[in-house]
Amino acid sequence: MRLANKVCLITGGGSGIGAACAKTYAREGAAVVIVDRNLEGAQRVAGEIHQAGGKAEPLEANVGRTADIEAMVKFALDKFGRLDVLHNNAIFSVMGTRAADIELKGWQMTLDVSLTGYWYATKVALNQAMLTQGKGVILNTASVSGLTGDYLQCAYNVAKAGVVNMTRVVAIEYARKGIRCNAICPGPILTPGIRGVGKNPDKWLRQVADGIPMGRLGDPQEVANMALFLASDEASFVTGAAMVVDGGLNAHSGMAYGQGRGPDW
């Protein structure tokens, strides 16, 4: 029980990576606040945690709104009296458009949810809970797309790159206050959202998998396993890190042989 008696709050916890992380935190002893714009999704995940004997509370919130962020931290403190782990995981982004063709509204919404929301949640969690406690963990779901560039994903790349560097700054500024801050950088993960990308999702997913050295997409649980480590005291000397979980994608140059595989030696 690596998170026994801890309180975790995760945004975007109603599906995909967020749901896997929420259930993993609960399985390891944490009380979990599951925040999502889709209340039904948050309630479903909380119900699954309850059925497994864990503690969870669902909450509807939009992390693109500062008032909702303040309310979610207050909710966690009112319910459980403390906040040990803040996992910023919610995402919104416009994709499939070249940089010069992105609409300003889509660009702004991407940054509001996927970067500014992370910063503001961090700010509120620090000031309302963690600095007073003298201890806390902040996890940010970034992406390998925050470490390199992708075609037709400019807003997403910019937001995730910002998350990576914000993670480093928070880590060094608050390390001597008992606060650790790390980022997780997943590669392509088989979530509900990624299954519907493009006009021919199955073909696209095969192409993506073919470009990954391991030859497959990741499972949300594989990201949750990294999140659990970073949230736990096992990672007590880890802060300011951007931990890649991508099947080797970020390790290769991008130059392909055949269909993205290495030469047939």
Protein backbone atom coordinates (compact mmCIF):
# COMPACT_ATOMS: atom_id res chain seq x y z
CA MET A 1 0.00 0.00 0.00
CA ARG A 2 2.39 2.63 -1.27
CA LEU A 3 -0.10 5.50 -0.89
CA ALA A 4 -1.73 4.49 2.39
CA ASN A 5 -3.44 7.44 4.11
CA LYS A 6 -2.67 9.77 1.19
CA VAL A 7 -5.16 11.98 -0.61
CA CYS A 8 -4.80 12.28 -4.39
CA LEU A 9 -6.64 14.61 -6.76
CA ILE A 10 -6.50 13.82 -10.47
CA THR A 11 -7.99 15.87 -13.29
CA GLY A 12 -9.24 14.18 -16.42
CA GLY A 13 -9.78 11.10 -14.28
CA GLY A 14 -12.94 9.85 -15.97
CA SER A 15 -11.28 7.86 -18.76
CA GLY A 16 -8.02 6.75 -20.34
CA ILE A 17 -4.78 7.47 -18.51
CA GLY A 18 -6.57 9.41 -15.79
CA ALA A 19 -8.91 6.55 -14.96
CA ALA A 20 -6.04 4.06 -14.83
CA CYS A 21 -4.08 6.35 -12.51
CA ALA A 22 -7.07 6.99 -10.25
CA LYS A 23 -7.75 3.27 -9.82
CA THR A 24 -4.07 2.55 -9.23
CA TYR A 25 -3.80 5.25 -6.55
CA ALA A 26 -6.87 3.88 -4.81
CA ARG A 27 -5.62 0.30 -5.02
CA GLU A 28 -2.46 1.45 -3.24
CA GLY A 29 -4.41 2.97 -0.35
CA ALA A 30 -5.12 6.57 -1.38
CA ALA A 31 -8.41 8.41 -1.15
CA VAL A 32 -8.91 9.83 -4.65
CA VAL A 33 -10.81 12.86 -5.92
CA ILE A 34 -11.65 12.19 -9.57
CA VAL A 35 -12.20 15.41 -11.48
CA ASP A 36 -13.58 15.44 -15.01
CA ARG A 37 -15.75 17.58 -17.26
CA ASN A 38 -17.74 14.41 -17.86
CA LEU A 39 -19.34 13.74 -14.49
CA GLU A 40 -20.68 10.39 -15.67
CA GLY A 41 -17.15 9.21 -16.42
CA ALA A 42 -15.88 10.37 -13.04
CA GLN A 43 -18.79 8.65 -11.30
CA ARG A 44 -18.15 5.42 -13.20
CA VAL A 45 -14.49 5.32 -12.17
CA ALA A 46 -15.37 6.21 -8.57
CA GLY A 47 -17.93 3.41 -8.56
CA GLU A 48 -15.36 0.90 -9.75
CA ILE A 49 -13.03 2.03 -6.97
CA HIS A 50 -15.79 1.67 -4.38
CA GLN A 51 -16.60 -1.83 -5.61
CA ALA A 52 -12.94 -2.76 -5.14
CA GLY A 53 -13.03 -1.49 -1.55
CA GLY A 54 -11.32 1.86 -2.13
CA LYS A 55 -12.17 5.49 -1.44
CA ALA A 56 -13.06 7.92 -4.22
CA GLU A 57 -15.16 11.02 -4.77
CA PRO A 58 -16.21 12.20 -8.27
CA LEU A 59 -16.40 15.88 -9.13
CA GLU A 60 -17.44 17.72 -12.28
CA ALA A 61 -15.09 20.59 -13.15
CA ASN A 62 -13.52 22.34 -16.13
CA VAL A 63 -9.85 23.07 -15.44
CA GLY A 64 -9.97 25.78 -18.09
CA ARG A 65 -11.80 27.87 -15.47
CA THR A 66 -9.95 29.20 -12.45
CA ALA A 67 -13.07 29.10 -10.26
CA ASP A 68 -13.50 25.38 -10.96
CA ILE A 69 -9.87 24.75 -10.03
CA GLU A 70 -10.27 26.57 -6.73
CA ALA A 71 -13.45 24.60 -6.06
CA MET A 72 -11.84 21.21 -6.74
CA VAL A 73 -8.97 21.81 -4.31
CA LYS A 74 -11.44 23.04 -1.69
CA PHE A 75 -13.57 19.95 -2.33
CA ALA A 76 -10.61 17.66 -1.64
CA LEU A 77 -9.71 19.52 1.55
CA ASP A 78 -13.31 19.57 2.79
CA LYS A 79 -13.74 15.84 2.12
CA PHE A 80 -10.41 14.52 3.33
CA GLY A 81 -8.66 17.30 5.25
CA ARG A 82 -5.45 17.35 3.22
CA LEU A 83 -4.01 17.01 -0.28
CA ASP A 84 -0.88 14.92 -0.77
CA VAL A 85 -0.83 14.40 -4.55
CA LEU A 86 -2.08 16.71 -7.28
CA HIS A 87 -2.03 15.01 -10.68
CA ASN A 88 -2.68 17.48 -13.50
CA ASN A 89 -3.85 15.24 -16.32
CA ALA A 90 -6.81 16.87 -18.12
CA ILE A 91 -6.28 17.73 -21.78
CA PHE A 92 -7.88 19.73 -24.54
CA SER A 93 -6.21 20.47 -27.86
CA VAL A 94 -6.91 21.34 -31.44
CA MET A 95 -5.09 18.97 -33.81
CA GLY A 96 -4.90 18.20 -37.49
CA THR A 97 -4.19 21.79 -38.55
CA ARG A 98 -1.01 23.51 -39.62
CA ALA A 99 0.29 26.25 -37.34
CA ALA A 100 -0.82 29.13 -39.57
CA ASP A 101 -4.34 27.71 -39.86
CA ILE A 102 -5.14 27.26 -36.17
CA GLU A 103 -8.02 29.44 -35.02
CA LEU A 104 -7.23 31.75 -32.11
CA LYS A 105 -10.10 30.33 -30.05
CA GLY A 106 -8.77 26.78 -30.37
CA TRP A 107 -5.22 27.90 -29.54
CA GLN A 108 -6.42 29.75 -26.44
CA MET A 109 -8.60 26.87 -25.23
CA THR A 110 -5.68 24.48 -25.61
CA LEU A 111 -3.43 26.66 -23.46
CA ASP A 112 -6.20 27.45 -20.95
CA VAL A 113 -6.81 23.77 -20.17
CA SER A 114 -3.51 22.09 -20.95
CA LEU A 115 -1.02 24.63 -19.60
CA THR A 116 -2.58 27.51 -17.67
CA GLY A 117 -4.91 25.08 -15.90
CA TYR A 118 -1.92 23.02 -14.77
CA TRP A 119 -0.15 26.11 -13.45
CA TYR A 120 -3.20 27.45 -11.64
CA ALA A 121 -4.03 24.10 -10.04
CA THR A 122 -0.41 23.88 -8.88
CA LYS A 123 -0.59 27.40 -7.46
CA VAL A 124 -3.80 26.70 -5.55
CA ALA A 125 -2.65 23.31 -4.26
CA LEU A 126 0.63 24.79 -3.02
CA ASN A 127 -0.93 27.79 -1.31
CA GLN A 128 -4.01 26.07 0.10
CA ALA A 129 -2.52 22.76 1.21
CA MET A 130 1.00 21.58 0.46
CA LEU A 131 3.09 24.47 1.78
CA THR A 132 1.20 24.39 5.07
CA GLN A 133 1.58 20.62 5.26
CA GLY A 134 5.29 20.92 4.48
CA LYS A 135 5.00 18.06 2.02
CA GLY A 136 3.33 17.19 -1.27
CA VAL A 137 3.68 15.78 -4.75
CA ILE A 138 2.67 17.39 -8.03
CA LEU A 139 2.52 15.23 -11.14
CA ASN A 140 1.94 16.67 -14.59
CA THR A 141 0.95 14.57 -17.57
CA ALA A 142 3.07 16.01 -20.37
CA SER A 143 3.95 14.05 -23.51
CA VAL A 144 6.81 13.06 -25.77
CA SER A 145 5.17 15.70 -27.96
CA GLY A 146 6.46 18.24 -25.45
CA LEU A 147 10.01 17.09 -26.10
CA THR A 148 9.93 17.09 -29.91
CA GLY A 149 7.70 18.43 -32.68
CA ASP A 150 4.81 16.73 -34.46
CA TYR A 151 3.14 17.57 -37.72
CA LEU A 152 -0.28 19.25 -37.32
CA GLN A 153 -0.08 19.42 -33.51
CA CYS A 154 1.42 22.84 -32.88
CA ALA A 155 -0.88 23.91 -30.03
CA TYR A 156 -0.55 20.54 -28.31
CA ASN A 157 3.25 20.55 -28.67
CA VAL A 158 3.52 24.06 -27.26
CA ALA A 159 1.27 23.27 -24.28
CA LYS A 160 3.10 20.06 -23.42
CA ALA A 161 6.53 21.68 -23.79
CA GLY A 162 5.35 24.37 -21.39
CA VAL A 163 4.22 21.72 -18.93
CA VAL A 164 7.66 20.08 -19.00
CA ASN A 165 9.49 23.30 -18.25
CA MET A 166 6.95 24.46 -15.67
CA THR A 167 7.54 21.14 -13.93
CA ARG A 168 11.26 21.89 -13.70
CA VAL A 169 10.71 25.39 -12.33
CA VAL A 170 8.22 24.29 -9.67
CA ALA A 171 10.57 21.45 -8.70
CA ILE A 172 13.56 23.69 -8.05
CA GLU A 173 11.60 26.50 -6.40
CA TYR A 174 9.86 24.25 -3.88
CA ALA A 175 12.32 21.38 -3.36
CA ARG A 176 13.35 22.73 0.06
CA LYS A 177 9.71 23.13 1.07
CA GLY A 178 9.13 19.37 0.91
CA ILE A 179 7.41 19.50 -2.47
CA ARG A 180 8.33 17.25 -5.39
CA CYS A 181 7.16 17.98 -8.93
CA ASN A 182 7.62 15.65 -11.90
CA ALA A 183 6.22 15.16 -15.38
CA ILE A 184 5.24 11.98 -17.17
CA CYS A 185 5.76 12.00 -20.92
CA PRO A 186 3.70 9.24 -22.53
CA GLY A 187 4.04 8.25 -26.14
CA PRO A 188 0.99 7.00 -28.06
CA ILE A 189 -1.28 5.27 -25.54
CA LEU A 190 -4.34 3.25 -26.52
CA THR A 191 -7.06 5.38 -24.95
CA PRO A 192 -10.64 6.00 -26.10
CA GLY A 193 -9.60 9.35 -27.55
CA ILE A 194 -6.85 7.99 -29.76
CA ARG A 195 -9.04 5.19 -31.14
CA GLY A 196 -11.13 7.68 -33.12
CA VAL A 197 -8.39 9.75 -34.73
CA GLY A 198 -8.49 10.31 -38.49
CA LYS A 199 -10.72 9.03 -41.27
CA ASN A 200 -9.36 5.48 -40.97
CA PRO A 201 -8.45 5.00 -37.29
CA ASP A 202 -7.41 1.35 -37.61
CA LYS A 203 -4.98 2.11 -40.42
CA TRP A 204 -3.59 5.11 -38.58
CA LEU A 205 -3.08 3.13 -35.37
CA ARG A 206 -1.20 0.45 -37.31
CA GLN A 207 1.05 3.10 -38.79
CA VAL A 208 1.71 4.64 -35.38
CA ALA A 209 2.49 1.26 -33.84
CA ASP A 210 4.84 0.45 -36.70
CA GLY A 211 6.94 3.53 -35.89
CA ILE A 212 7.38 2.55 -32.23
CA PRO A 213 10.43 0.37 -31.56
CA MET A 214 8.34 -1.99 -29.41
CA GLY A 215 5.84 -2.31 -32.27
CA ARG A 216 2.75 -1.41 -30.27
CA LEU A 217 0.95 1.41 -28.49
CA GLY A 218 1.12 1.67 -24.73
CA ASP A 219 -1.59 0.69 -22.28
CA PRO A 220 -2.93 3.31 -19.83
CA GLN A 221 -1.88 1.07 -16.95
CA GLU A 222 1.73 1.33 -18.08
CA VAL A 223 1.54 5.09 -17.57
CA ALA A 224 -0.25 4.61 -14.26
CA ASN A 225 2.60 2.42 -13.05
CA MET A 226 5.04 5.29 -13.58
CA ALA A 227 2.63 7.74 -11.94
CA LEU A 228 2.38 5.50 -8.89
CA PHE A 229 6.15 5.42 -8.51
CA LEU A 230 6.43 9.20 -8.77
CA ALA A 231 3.55 9.77 -6.35
CA SER A 232 4.98 7.39 -3.76
CA ASP A 233 7.82 7.83 -1.30
CA GLU A 234 9.83 5.40 -3.41
CA ALA A 235 10.59 8.44 -5.59
CA SER A 236 11.66 10.58 -2.63
CA PHE A 237 14.81 11.84 -4.41
CA VAL A 238 13.15 12.37 -7.80
CA THR A 239 12.03 15.89 -8.68
CA GLY A 240 12.13 18.01 -11.82
CA ALA A 241 12.17 14.91 -14.01
CA ALA A 242 10.34 14.27 -17.28
CA MET A 243 9.85 10.50 -17.28
CA VAL A 244 9.28 9.06 -20.73
CA VAL A 245 6.86 6.11 -21.18
CA ASP A 246 6.81 5.55 -24.92
CA GLY A 247 8.06 2.12 -26.00
CA GLY A 248 11.31 3.66 -27.25
CA LEU A 249 9.68 6.20 -29.59
CA ASN A 250 11.70 9.17 -28.35
CA ALA A 251 14.95 7.19 -28.52
CA HIS A 252 15.17 6.93 -32.29
CA SER A 253 15.94 9.60 -34.88
CA GLY A 254 12.75 9.22 -36.88
CA MET A 255 14.58 7.92 -39.95
CA ALA A 256 12.83 4.70 -40.98
CA TYR A 257 13.68 1.59 -42.90
CA GLY A 258 10.71 0.15 -44.76
CA GLN A 259 7.63 0.62 -42.59
CA GLY A 260 9.37 2.20 -39.64
CA ARG A 261 11.34 -0.86 -38.55
CA GLY A 262 15.08 -1.26 -38.46
CA PRO A 263 16.98 -3.02 -41.21
CA ASP A 264 16.43 -6.75 -41.55
CA TRP A 265 19.84 -7.90 -40.38
